[in-house]
Amino acid sequence: MTRTAPEAMTIGRLARAAGVGVETIRYYQQRGLLPLPPAVGSYRLYPVTLNARIRFIKRAQELGFSLDEIAELLRLEDGADRGSIRRVAADRLGQIEAKIGDLRRMQQALKQLLLSCEHAGAGAPCPIIASLAEPVGE
């Protein structure tokens, strides 16, 4: 006897199937990322296909896309407007590259501070603490 998957499920079952909390599904609905199905009696039945949509949202978030960007990608999900899809992805890539540049500058600054601290005399104050105590912009 084979058991077929249901065509619709409660919000709790959908949440478990997608590996998210019920609150996450409700939040995605508020943001317009997921539809709100009509009530059937005292509860709502969600199409099983929303599981794939939730996985898409979570994967896009892992890649650094904001929920607004994900909403735009979902609007373009038929894949026909590749130029717009590429623009969204290129914008995200530019933001990631800018963050990487910022992180590299932070890395270099901390390396310098560690080196300064290592070579500072025993009686001198730690350059790390002194640098962090300085007012910003000086």
C-alpha atoms as a PDB file:
ATOM      1  CA  MET A   1       0.000   0.000   0.000  1.00  0.00           C
ATOM      2  CA  THR A   2       1.490   3.316  -1.024  1.00  0.00           C
ATOM      3  CA  ARG A   3       0.666   6.491   0.730  1.00  0.00           C
ATOM      4  CA  THR A   4       0.464   9.624  -1.372  1.00  0.00           C
ATOM      5  CA  ALA A   5       1.530  13.000  -0.074  1.00  0.00           C
ATOM      6  CA  PRO A   6      -1.298  15.359   0.790  1.00  0.00           C
ATOM      7  CA  GLU A   7      -2.116  18.118  -1.667  1.00  0.00           C
ATOM      8  CA  ALA A   8      -2.635  20.575   1.195  1.00  0.00           C
ATOM      9  CA  MET A   9      -1.523  20.806   4.789  1.00  0.00           C
ATOM     10  CA  THR A  10      -1.981  22.887   7.907  1.00  0.00           C
ATOM     11  CA  ILE A  11       0.453  25.671   8.706  1.00  0.00           C
ATOM     12  CA  GLY A  12       2.088  23.491  11.361  1.00  0.00           C
ATOM     13  CA  ARG A  13       2.712  20.628   8.950  1.00  0.00           C
ATOM     14  CA  LEU A  14       3.997  23.034   6.308  1.00  0.00           C
ATOM     15  CA  ALA A  15       6.353  24.612   8.832  1.00  0.00           C
ATOM     16  CA  ARG A  16       7.718  21.204   9.884  1.00  0.00           C
ATOM     17  CA  ALA A  17       8.082  20.079   6.265  1.00  0.00           C
ATOM     18  CA  ALA A  18       9.961  23.263   5.340  1.00  0.00           C
ATOM     19  CA  GLY A  19      12.096  23.293   8.500  1.00  0.00           C
ATOM     20  CA  VAL A  20      10.864  26.692   9.695  1.00  0.00           C
ATOM     21  CA  GLY A  21       8.625  27.947  12.465  1.00  0.00           C
ATOM     22  CA  VAL A  22       4.959  28.793  12.084  1.00  0.00           C
ATOM     23  CA  GLU A  23       5.904  32.399  12.904  1.00  0.00           C
ATOM     24  CA  THR A  24       8.257  32.428   9.917  1.00  0.00           C
ATOM     25  CA  ILE A  25       5.452  31.396   7.585  1.00  0.00           C
ATOM     26  CA  ARG A  26       3.180  34.072   9.015  1.00  0.00           C
ATOM     27  CA  TYR A  27       5.940  36.673   8.660  1.00  0.00           C
ATOM     28  CA  TYR A  28       6.520  35.671   5.027  1.00  0.00           C
ATOM     29  CA  GLN A  29       2.785  36.061   4.445  1.00  0.00           C
ATOM     30  CA  GLN A  30       2.831  39.550   5.960  1.00  0.00           C
ATOM     31  CA  ARG A  31       5.738  40.438   3.671  1.00  0.00           C
ATOM     32  CA  GLY A  32       3.861  39.105   0.636  1.00  0.00           C
ATOM     33  CA  LEU A  33       6.342  36.286   0.009  1.00  0.00           C
ATOM     34  CA  LEU A  34       3.716  33.593   0.629  1.00  0.00           C
ATOM     35  CA  PRO A  35       0.014  33.680  -0.145  1.00  0.00           C
ATOM     36  CA  LEU A  36      -2.571  33.467   2.610  1.00  0.00           C
ATOM     37  CA  PRO A  37      -4.947  30.656   1.662  1.00  0.00           C
ATOM     38  CA  PRO A  38      -8.644  31.013   2.423  1.00  0.00           C
ATOM     39  CA  ALA A  39      -9.880  29.609   5.708  1.00  0.00           C
ATOM     40  CA  VAL A  40     -11.522  26.201   5.655  1.00  0.00           C
ATOM     41  CA  GLY A  41     -13.613  26.233   8.799  1.00  0.00           C
ATOM     42  CA  SER A  42     -11.343  27.286  11.637  1.00  0.00           C
ATOM     43  CA  TYR A  43      -8.013  26.669   9.845  1.00  0.00           C
ATOM     44  CA  ARG A  44      -6.263  27.210   6.549  1.00  0.00           C
ATOM     45  CA  LEU A  45      -4.918  24.581   4.186  1.00  0.00           C
ATOM     46  CA  TYR A  46      -1.629  25.387   2.492  1.00  0.00           C
ATOM     47  CA  PRO A  47      -0.619  23.889  -0.850  1.00  0.00           C
ATOM     48  CA  VAL A  48       2.293  21.475  -0.619  1.00  0.00           C
ATOM     49  CA  THR A  49       4.020  23.498  -3.344  1.00  0.00           C
ATOM     50  CA  LEU A  50       4.701  26.252  -0.797  1.00  0.00           C
ATOM     51  CA  ASN A  51       7.371  24.008   0.702  1.00  0.00           C
ATOM     52  CA  ALA A  52       9.526  24.585  -2.386  1.00  0.00           C
ATOM     53  CA  ARG A  53       8.831  28.326  -2.241  1.00  0.00           C
ATOM     54  CA  ILE A  54       9.927  28.459   1.403  1.00  0.00           C
ATOM     55  CA  ARG A  55      13.122  26.552   0.505  1.00  0.00           C
ATOM     56  CA  PHE A  56      13.732  29.112  -2.269  1.00  0.00           C
ATOM     57  CA  ILE A  57      13.326  31.968   0.231  1.00  0.00           C
ATOM     58  CA  LYS A  58      15.639  30.354   2.791  1.00  0.00           C
ATOM     59  CA  ARG A  59      18.305  29.578   0.172  1.00  0.00           C
ATOM     60  CA  ALA A  60      18.153  33.121  -1.182  1.00  0.00           C
ATOM     61  CA  GLN A  61      18.580  34.451   2.366  1.00  0.00           C
ATOM     62  CA  GLU A  62      21.633  32.196   2.808  1.00  0.00           C
ATOM     63  CA  LEU A  63      23.083  33.880  -0.280  1.00  0.00           C
ATOM     64  CA  GLY A  64      22.547  37.268   1.352  1.00  0.00           C
ATOM     65  CA  PHE A  65      19.439  38.433  -0.490  1.00  0.00           C
ATOM     66  CA  SER A  66      17.146  40.683   1.528  1.00  0.00           C
ATOM     67  CA  LEU A  67      13.455  39.849   1.774  1.00  0.00           C
ATOM     68  CA  ASP A  68      12.697  42.768  -0.562  1.00  0.00           C
ATOM     69  CA  GLU A  69      15.116  41.356  -3.129  1.00  0.00           C
ATOM     70  CA  ILE A  70      13.605  37.895  -2.663  1.00  0.00           C
ATOM     71  CA  ALA A  71      10.140  39.342  -3.265  1.00  0.00           C
ATOM     72  CA  GLU A  72      11.415  40.816  -6.519  1.00  0.00           C
ATOM     73  CA  LEU A  73      12.966  37.481  -7.524  1.00  0.00           C
ATOM     74  CA  LEU A  74       9.695  35.723  -6.751  1.00  0.00           C
ATOM     75  CA  ARG A  75       7.868  38.184  -8.985  1.00  0.00           C
ATOM     76  CA  LEU A  76      10.323  37.187 -11.713  1.00  0.00           C
ATOM     77  CA  GLU A  77      10.231  33.469 -10.915  1.00  0.00           C
ATOM     78  CA  ASP A  78       9.039  32.414 -14.360  1.00  0.00           C
ATOM     79  CA  GLY A  79      12.592  33.263 -15.475  1.00  0.00           C
ATOM     80  CA  ALA A  80      11.477  35.155 -18.587  1.00  0.00           C
ATOM     81  CA  ASP A  81      12.962  38.522 -17.545  1.00  0.00           C
ATOM     82  CA  ARG A  82      16.543  37.390 -17.167  1.00  0.00           C
ATOM     83  CA  GLY A  83      17.860  40.929 -17.376  1.00  0.00           C
ATOM     84  CA  SER A  84      15.985  41.911 -14.226  1.00  0.00           C
ATOM     85  CA  ILE A  85      17.037  38.720 -12.474  1.00  0.00           C
ATOM     86  CA  ARG A  86      20.679  39.385 -13.371  1.00  0.00           C
ATOM     87  CA  ARG A  87      20.347  42.981 -12.143  1.00  0.00           C
ATOM     88  CA  VAL A  88      19.066  41.838  -8.734  1.00  0.00           C
ATOM     89  CA  ALA A  89      21.842  39.247  -8.465  1.00  0.00           C
ATOM     90  CA  ALA A  90      24.511  41.707  -9.654  1.00  0.00           C
ATOM     91  CA  ASP A  91      23.362  44.289  -7.109  1.00  0.00           C
ATOM     92  CA  ARG A  92      23.637  41.670  -4.349  1.00  0.00           C
ATOM     93  CA  LEU A  93      27.089  40.650  -5.594  1.00  0.00           C
ATOM     94  CA  GLY A  94      28.216  44.283  -5.496  1.00  0.00           C
ATOM     95  CA  GLN A  95      27.001  44.607  -1.915  1.00  0.00           C
ATOM     96  CA  ILE A  96      28.828  41.409  -0.944  1.00  0.00           C
ATOM     97  CA  GLU A  97      32.039  42.617  -2.590  1.00  0.00           C
ATOM     98  CA  ALA A  98      31.768  45.933  -0.730  1.00  0.00           C
ATOM     99  CA  LYS A  99      31.349  44.059   2.557  1.00  0.00           C
ATOM    100  CA  ILE A 100      34.366  41.902   1.737  1.00  0.00           C
ATOM    101  CA  GLY A 101      36.391  45.081   1.139  1.00  0.00           C
ATOM    102  CA  ASP A 102      35.229  46.475   4.476  1.00  0.00           C
ATOM    103  CA  LEU A 103      36.122  43.205   6.212  1.00  0.00           C
ATOM    104  CA  ARG A 104      39.587  43.211   4.620  1.00  0.00           C
ATOM    105  CA  ARG A 105      40.192  46.763   5.865  1.00  0.00           C
ATOM    106  CA  MET A 106      39.041  45.726   9.349  1.00  0.00           C
ATOM    107  CA  GLN A 107      41.313  42.681   9.169  1.00  0.00           C
ATOM    108  CA  GLN A 108      44.321  44.823   8.257  1.00  0.00           C
ATOM    109  CA  ALA A 109      43.580  47.331  11.023  1.00  0.00           C
ATOM    110  CA  LEU A 110      43.337  44.568  13.621  1.00  0.00           C
ATOM    111  CA  LYS A 111      46.522  42.925  12.355  1.00  0.00           C
ATOM    112  CA  GLN A 112      48.326  46.258  12.741  1.00  0.00           C
ATOM    113  CA  LEU A 113      46.934  46.734  16.242  1.00  0.00           C
ATOM    114  CA  LEU A 114      47.987  43.220  17.245  1.00  0.00           C
ATOM    115  CA  LEU A 115      51.465  43.806  15.841  1.00  0.00           C
ATOM    116  CA  SER A 116      51.713  47.140  17.669  1.00  0.00           C
ATOM    117  CA  CYS A 117      50.599  45.532  20.907  1.00  0.00           C
ATOM    118  CA  GLU A 118      53.094  42.713  20.490  1.00  0.00           C
ATOM    119  CA  HIS A 119      55.988  45.142  19.979  1.00  0.00           C
ATOM    120  CA  ALA A 120      54.953  47.724  22.575  1.00  0.00           C
ATOM    121  CA  GLY A 121      57.142  47.992  25.628  1.00  0.00           C
ATOM    122  CA  ALA A 122      56.043  46.261  28.799  1.00  0.00           C
ATOM    123  CA  GLY A 123      55.405  49.575  30.549  1.00  0.00           C
ATOM    124  CA  ALA A 124      53.489  51.136  27.642  1.00  0.00           C
ATOM    125  CA  PRO A 125      49.707  50.965  27.463  1.00  0.00           C
ATOM    126  CA  CYS A 126      48.263  48.420  25.071  1.00  0.00           C
ATOM    127  CA  PRO A 127      47.852  50.080  21.644  1.00  0.00           C
ATOM    128  CA  ILE A 128      44.648  48.090  21.048  1.00  0.00           C
ATOM    129  CA  ILE A 129      42.898  49.624  24.048  1.00  0.00           C
ATOM    130  CA  ALA A 130      44.299  53.073  23.288  1.00  0.00           C
ATOM    131  CA  SER A 131      43.126  52.890  19.675  1.00  0.00           C
ATOM    132  CA  LEU A 132      39.638  51.760  20.610  1.00  0.00           C
ATOM    133  CA  ALA A 133      39.364  54.506  23.218  1.00  0.00           C
ATOM    134  CA  GLU A 134      40.141  57.250  20.675  1.00  0.00           C
ATOM    135  CA  PRO A 135      37.185  59.311  19.427  1.00  0.00           C
ATOM    136  CA  VAL A 136      36.001  58.270  15.973  1.00  0.00           C
ATOM    137  CA  GLY A 137      37.487  60.280  13.113  1.00  0.00           C
ATOM    138  CA  GLU A 138      40.714  61.269  14.826  1.00  0.00           C
END
